[in-house]
Amino acid sequence: TGRPGSFERVMLNTDLCLAFNIDRNTQCCTRTGSFYPDNQDKCINSAIARRQCPFYREGDPRFEARDSVQEMLGGSYPNENNEPFYEAFREGWRKATTVGQTNLLSLAETCEFV
């Protein structure tokens, strides 16, 4: 998502499938009206760039997933709020790395060689 060096947010295919109703393999763009500084459309194909991918609508069984994606984006987009993602990642990492373990110690701030 974006050209090398553009440092834009990345959405995985799984994120896109949670937010956008693209089950029917619709040719569309998730970022219509978004351009690089050189005015090149961020949707590579100009015909596809005219079709915004549809979001899941309220009442759809996947609407809650769409809301979760929006939450991980830090609310409205664009913004610089990555805290919701980092907080969820921190908790997920803790669970993944401590499962079944007891008496774990915190990492040391520095390493001392003996």
N, C-alpha and C. Protein backbone atom coordinates (compact mmCIF):
# COMPACT_ATOMS: atom_id res chain seq x y z
N THR A 1 0.85 -1.17 0.00
CA THR A 1 0.00 0.00 0.00
C THR A 1 0.89 1.23 0.00
N GLY A 2 1.13 1.75 -1.13
CA GLY A 2 2.01 2.91 -1.24
C GLY A 2 3.32 2.53 -1.88
N ARG A 3 4.03 3.54 -2.34
CA ARG A 3 5.31 3.33 -2.99
C ARG A 3 6.42 3.23 -1.95
N PRO A 4 7.53 2.57 -2.30
CA PRO A 4 8.65 2.49 -1.35
C PRO A 4 9.07 3.89 -0.92
N GLY A 5 9.31 4.05 0.38
CA GLY A 5 9.75 5.33 0.91
C GLY A 5 8.63 6.29 1.23
N SER A 6 7.37 5.91 0.96
CA SER A 6 6.27 6.83 1.22
C SER A 6 5.81 6.77 2.67
N PHE A 7 6.21 5.74 3.42
CA PHE A 7 5.93 5.59 4.85
C PHE A 7 4.44 5.73 5.17
N GLU A 8 3.63 5.16 4.37
CA GLU A 8 2.20 5.20 4.62
C GLU A 8 1.82 4.03 5.51
N ARG A 9 0.63 4.09 6.08
CA ARG A 9 0.15 2.97 6.86
C ARG A 9 -0.07 1.78 5.96
N VAL A 10 0.12 0.64 6.53
CA VAL A 10 -0.05 -0.59 5.78
C VAL A 10 -1.29 -1.30 6.29
N MET A 11 -2.10 -1.78 5.37
CA MET A 11 -3.23 -2.63 5.74
C MET A 11 -3.00 -3.97 5.07
N LEU A 12 -3.01 -5.00 5.86
CA LEU A 12 -2.86 -6.34 5.33
C LEU A 12 -4.13 -6.74 4.57
N ASN A 13 -4.01 -7.73 3.70
CA ASN A 13 -5.19 -8.21 2.99
C ASN A 13 -6.29 -8.63 3.96
N THR A 14 -5.90 -9.20 5.10
CA THR A 14 -6.91 -9.60 6.08
C THR A 14 -7.63 -8.40 6.65
N ASP A 15 -6.91 -7.29 6.87
CA ASP A 15 -7.55 -6.06 7.34
C ASP A 15 -8.55 -5.54 6.32
N LEU A 16 -8.15 -5.55 5.06
CA LEU A 16 -9.03 -5.07 3.99
C LEU A 16 -10.29 -5.90 3.91
N CYS A 17 -10.14 -7.22 4.06
CA CYS A 17 -11.31 -8.10 3.99
C CYS A 17 -12.25 -7.91 5.18
N LEU A 18 -11.72 -7.45 6.31
CA LEU A 18 -12.56 -7.18 7.48
C LEU A 18 -13.32 -5.86 7.34
N ALA A 19 -12.79 -4.93 6.58
CA ALA A 19 -13.40 -3.61 6.49
C ALA A 19 -14.24 -3.42 5.23
N PHE A 20 -13.80 -3.98 4.12
CA PHE A 20 -14.44 -3.73 2.83
C PHE A 20 -15.19 -4.97 2.33
N ASN A 21 -16.33 -4.76 1.77
CA ASN A 21 -17.16 -5.83 1.22
C ASN A 21 -16.67 -6.16 -0.19
N ILE A 22 -15.64 -6.98 -0.27
CA ILE A 22 -15.03 -7.31 -1.55
C ILE A 22 -15.09 -8.80 -1.84
N ASP A 23 -16.07 -9.48 -1.26
CA ASP A 23 -16.20 -10.93 -1.43
C ASP A 23 -16.39 -11.34 -2.89
N ARG A 24 -17.02 -10.50 -3.66
CA ARG A 24 -17.32 -10.86 -5.05
C ARG A 24 -16.18 -10.50 -6.01
N ASN A 25 -14.99 -10.28 -5.45
CA ASN A 25 -13.82 -9.96 -6.26
C ASN A 25 -14.06 -8.72 -7.12
N THR A 26 -14.74 -7.75 -6.55
CA THR A 26 -15.04 -6.50 -7.23
C THR A 26 -13.76 -5.73 -7.49
N GLN A 27 -13.60 -5.23 -8.69
CA GLN A 27 -12.45 -4.41 -9.00
C GLN A 27 -12.74 -3.00 -8.52
N CYS A 28 -12.08 -2.60 -7.43
CA CYS A 28 -12.32 -1.30 -6.83
C CYS A 28 -11.05 -0.86 -6.11
N CYS A 29 -11.08 0.33 -5.56
CA CYS A 29 -9.93 0.88 -4.85
C CYS A 29 -10.35 1.30 -3.45
N THR A 30 -9.52 1.01 -2.47
CA THR A 30 -9.82 1.39 -1.10
C THR A 30 -9.39 2.82 -0.80
N ARG A 31 -8.63 3.44 -1.69
CA ARG A 31 -8.08 4.77 -1.43
C ARG A 31 -8.38 5.74 -2.57
N THR A 32 -9.60 5.80 -3.02
CA THR A 32 -9.93 6.72 -4.10
C THR A 32 -9.71 8.16 -3.66
N GLY A 33 -9.30 8.99 -4.60
CA GLY A 33 -9.08 10.40 -4.30
C GLY A 33 -7.82 10.67 -3.50
N SER A 34 -6.92 9.71 -3.42
CA SER A 34 -5.69 9.86 -2.67
C SER A 34 -4.53 9.86 -3.66
N PHE A 35 -3.66 10.87 -3.56
CA PHE A 35 -2.60 11.04 -4.55
C PHE A 35 -1.24 11.19 -3.89
N TYR A 36 -0.19 10.79 -4.63
CA TYR A 36 1.18 11.03 -4.23
C TYR A 36 1.51 12.49 -4.52
N PRO A 37 2.61 13.01 -3.96
CA PRO A 37 2.98 14.41 -4.21
C PRO A 37 3.14 14.76 -5.70
N ASP A 38 3.47 13.75 -6.53
CA ASP A 38 3.61 14.02 -7.97
C ASP A 38 2.28 13.89 -8.71
N ASN A 39 1.17 13.86 -7.96
CA ASN A 39 -0.20 13.76 -8.49
C ASN A 39 -0.55 12.43 -9.12
N GLN A 40 0.26 11.40 -8.94
CA GLN A 40 -0.10 10.06 -9.41
C GLN A 40 -1.11 9.49 -8.43
N ASP A 41 -2.18 8.94 -8.94
CA ASP A 41 -3.21 8.35 -8.10
C ASP A 41 -2.63 7.15 -7.36
N LYS A 42 -2.99 6.99 -6.09
CA LYS A 42 -2.49 5.87 -5.31
C LYS A 42 -3.09 4.54 -5.75
N CYS A 43 -4.20 4.59 -6.45
CA CYS A 43 -4.73 3.40 -7.09
C CYS A 43 -4.06 3.33 -8.45
N ILE A 44 -3.29 2.31 -8.66
CA ILE A 44 -2.45 2.23 -9.85
C ILE A 44 -3.26 2.27 -11.14
N ASN A 45 -4.39 1.60 -11.18
CA ASN A 45 -5.22 1.54 -12.37
C ASN A 45 -6.23 2.68 -12.34
N SER A 46 -6.20 3.57 -13.33
CA SER A 46 -7.07 4.75 -13.30
C SER A 46 -8.55 4.40 -13.41
N ALA A 47 -8.89 3.32 -14.12
CA ALA A 47 -10.30 2.92 -14.22
C ALA A 47 -10.81 2.42 -12.87
N ILE A 48 -9.99 1.65 -12.19
CA ILE A 48 -10.37 1.12 -10.88
C ILE A 48 -10.41 2.25 -9.85
N ALA A 49 -9.56 3.25 -10.01
CA ALA A 49 -9.48 4.36 -9.06
C ALA A 49 -10.81 5.11 -8.94
N ARG A 50 -11.67 5.00 -9.92
CA ARG A 50 -12.97 5.69 -9.88
C ARG A 50 -14.01 4.93 -9.07
N ARG A 51 -13.71 3.69 -8.65
CA ARG A 51 -14.68 2.88 -7.91
C ARG A 51 -14.20 2.63 -6.48
N GLN A 52 -14.78 3.31 -5.52
CA GLN A 52 -14.46 3.10 -4.11
C GLN A 52 -15.01 1.73 -3.67
N CYS A 53 -14.18 0.94 -3.03
CA CYS A 53 -14.65 -0.34 -2.49
C CYS A 53 -15.69 -0.06 -1.40
N PRO A 54 -16.77 -0.82 -1.38
CA PRO A 54 -17.82 -0.57 -0.38
C PRO A 54 -17.44 -1.12 0.99
N PHE A 55 -17.74 -0.34 2.03
CA PHE A 55 -17.58 -0.80 3.41
C PHE A 55 -18.76 -1.70 3.75
N TYR A 56 -18.57 -2.55 4.75
CA TYR A 56 -19.71 -3.30 5.28
C TYR A 56 -20.67 -2.31 5.93
N ARG A 57 -21.95 -2.51 5.74
CA ARG A 57 -22.96 -1.61 6.28
C ARG A 57 -23.51 -2.13 7.60
N GLU A 58 -24.07 -1.22 8.37
CA GLU A 58 -24.70 -1.60 9.63
C GLU A 58 -25.77 -2.65 9.35
N GLY A 59 -25.83 -3.66 10.19
CA GLY A 59 -26.76 -4.77 9.99
C GLY A 59 -26.09 -5.96 9.34
N ASP A 60 -24.95 -5.75 8.67
CA ASP A 60 -24.20 -6.85 8.08
C ASP A 60 -23.50 -7.60 9.21
N PRO A 61 -23.43 -8.94 9.16
CA PRO A 61 -22.76 -9.70 10.22
C PRO A 61 -21.30 -9.29 10.43
N ARG A 62 -20.67 -8.69 9.41
CA ARG A 62 -19.26 -8.30 9.54
C ARG A 62 -19.06 -6.83 9.92
N PHE A 63 -20.14 -6.14 10.21
CA PHE A 63 -20.04 -4.72 10.55
C PHE A 63 -19.16 -4.51 11.78
N GLU A 64 -19.25 -5.39 12.77
CA GLU A 64 -18.43 -5.24 13.98
C GLU A 64 -16.95 -5.34 13.64
N ALA A 65 -16.60 -6.20 12.69
CA ALA A 65 -15.20 -6.32 12.27
C ALA A 65 -14.74 -5.02 11.62
N ARG A 66 -15.59 -4.41 10.82
CA ARG A 66 -15.26 -3.13 10.20
C ARG A 66 -14.98 -2.07 11.27
N ASP A 67 -15.82 -2.03 12.32
CA ASP A 67 -15.60 -1.10 13.42
C ASP A 67 -14.27 -1.36 14.11
N SER A 68 -13.89 -2.62 14.24
CA SER A 68 -12.61 -2.95 14.88
C SER A 68 -11.44 -2.45 14.06
N VAL A 69 -11.53 -2.58 12.75
CA VAL A 69 -10.47 -2.06 11.87
C VAL A 69 -10.37 -0.54 12.04
N GLN A 70 -11.50 0.13 12.07
CA GLN A 70 -11.52 1.59 12.26
C GLN A 70 -10.88 1.96 13.60
N GLU A 71 -11.17 1.18 14.63
CA GLU A 71 -10.58 1.43 15.94
C GLU A 71 -9.06 1.28 15.90
N MET A 72 -8.56 0.25 15.21
CA MET A 72 -7.12 0.04 15.11
C MET A 72 -6.45 1.16 14.31
N LEU A 73 -7.21 1.82 13.44
CA LEU A 73 -6.67 2.96 12.70
C LEU A 73 -6.63 4.22 13.57
N GLY A 74 -7.09 4.12 14.79
CA GLY A 74 -7.05 5.25 15.69
C GLY A 74 -8.22 6.18 15.53
N GLY A 75 -9.33 5.68 14.99
CA GLY A 75 -10.52 6.52 14.80
C GLY A 75 -10.62 6.96 13.36
N SER A 76 -10.81 8.25 13.17
CA SER A 76 -10.94 8.75 11.80
C SER A 76 -9.58 8.68 11.10
N TYR A 77 -9.64 8.57 9.80
CA TYR A 77 -8.41 8.44 9.01
C TYR A 77 -8.35 9.61 8.06
N PRO A 78 -7.25 10.24 7.81
CA PRO A 78 -5.93 9.93 8.34
C PRO A 78 -5.69 10.56 9.70
N ASN A 79 -4.81 9.95 10.46
CA ASN A 79 -4.37 10.50 11.73
C ASN A 79 -3.04 9.84 12.10
N GLU A 80 -2.47 10.26 13.18
CA GLU A 80 -1.19 9.71 13.63
C GLU A 80 -1.35 8.87 14.90
N ASN A 81 -2.57 8.48 15.23
CA ASN A 81 -2.83 7.76 16.47
C ASN A 81 -2.67 6.25 16.26
N ASN A 82 -1.52 5.73 16.61
CA ASN A 82 -1.25 4.29 16.49
C ASN A 82 -1.45 3.56 17.81
N GLU A 83 -1.81 4.28 18.87
CA GLU A 83 -1.91 3.69 20.21
C GLU A 83 -2.87 2.50 20.30
N PRO A 84 -4.07 2.56 19.69
CA PRO A 84 -4.95 1.38 19.79
C PRO A 84 -4.30 0.11 19.24
N PHE A 85 -3.58 0.22 18.13
CA PHE A 85 -2.90 -0.94 17.57
C PHE A 85 -1.79 -1.42 18.50
N TYR A 86 -0.96 -0.49 18.98
CA TYR A 86 0.15 -0.88 19.84
C TYR A 86 -0.33 -1.51 21.14
N GLU A 87 -1.41 -1.00 21.70
CA GLU A 87 -1.94 -1.56 22.94
C GLU A 87 -2.44 -2.99 22.71
N ALA A 88 -3.17 -3.20 21.61
CA ALA A 88 -3.66 -4.55 21.30
C ALA A 88 -2.49 -5.49 21.00
N PHE A 89 -1.48 -5.00 20.28
CA PHE A 89 -0.32 -5.82 19.97
C PHE A 89 0.43 -6.20 21.25
N ARG A 90 0.60 -5.22 22.14
CA ARG A 90 1.30 -5.46 23.40
C ARG A 90 0.62 -6.59 24.19
N GLU A 91 -0.70 -6.53 24.27
CA GLU A 91 -1.44 -7.56 25.01
C GLU A 91 -1.37 -8.91 24.28
N GLY A 92 -1.51 -8.91 22.97
CA GLY A 92 -1.40 -10.15 22.20
C GLY A 92 -0.02 -10.77 22.32
N TRP A 93 1.02 -9.94 22.28
CA TRP A 93 2.39 -10.43 22.41
C TRP A 93 2.62 -11.04 23.80
N ARG A 94 2.10 -10.37 24.83
CA ARG A 94 2.23 -10.91 26.19
C ARG A 94 1.59 -12.28 26.28
N LYS A 95 0.39 -12.41 25.75
CA LYS A 95 -0.30 -13.70 25.81
C LYS A 95 0.45 -14.77 25.02
N ALA A 96 0.93 -14.42 23.84
CA ALA A 96 1.61 -15.40 22.98
C ALA A 96 2.94 -15.86 23.56
N THR A 97 3.63 -14.98 24.25
CA THR A 97 4.96 -15.35 24.74
C THR A 97 4.97 -15.88 26.16
N THR A 98 3.84 -15.85 26.85
CA THR A 98 3.81 -16.36 28.22
C THR A 98 2.94 -17.59 28.38
N VAL A 99 2.30 -18.04 27.34
CA VAL A 99 1.36 -19.16 27.46
C VAL A 99 2.07 -20.40 28.03
N GLY A 100 1.53 -20.91 29.12
CA GLY A 100 2.06 -22.12 29.73
C GLY A 100 3.33 -21.91 30.54
N GLN A 101 3.79 -20.68 30.68
CA GLN A 101 5.04 -20.43 31.39
C GLN A 101 4.76 -19.80 32.75
N THR A 102 5.60 -20.11 33.72
CA THR A 102 5.51 -19.50 35.04
C THR A 102 6.89 -18.99 35.44
N ASN A 103 6.93 -18.09 36.39
CA ASN A 103 8.20 -17.56 36.91
C ASN A 103 9.05 -16.87 35.85
N LEU A 104 8.42 -16.20 34.92
CA LEU A 104 9.17 -15.46 33.91
C LEU A 104 9.70 -14.17 34.52
N LEU A 105 10.85 -13.73 34.06
CA LEU A 105 11.47 -12.51 34.56
C LEU A 105 11.40 -11.43 33.48
N SER A 106 11.35 -10.19 33.91
CA SER A 106 11.38 -9.07 32.97
C SER A 106 12.75 -9.01 32.32
N LEU A 107 12.81 -8.46 31.12
CA LEU A 107 14.09 -8.28 30.45
C LEU A 107 14.92 -7.24 31.17
N ALA A 108 16.21 -7.44 31.16
CA ALA A 108 17.12 -6.46 31.76
C ALA A 108 17.25 -5.27 30.82
N GLU A 109 17.49 -4.10 31.40
CA GLU A 109 17.68 -2.89 30.59
C GLU A 109 18.97 -2.96 29.79
N THR A 110 20.00 -3.59 30.34
CA THR A 110 21.28 -3.72 29.65
C THR A 110 21.78 -5.14 29.82
N CYS A 111 22.68 -5.51 28.96
CA CYS A 111 23.31 -6.83 29.04
C CYS A 111 24.72 -6.65 29.58
N GLU A 112 25.06 -7.41 30.58
CA GLU A 112 26.42 -7.38 31.12
C GLU A 112 27.11 -8.68 30.74
N PHE A 113 28.30 -8.53 30.21
CA PHE A 113 29.06 -9.72 29.84
C PHE A 113 29.91 -10.16 31.02
N VAL A 114 29.90 -11.44 31.27
CA VAL A 114 30.66 -11.98 32.39
C VAL A 114 31.93 -12.61 31.88
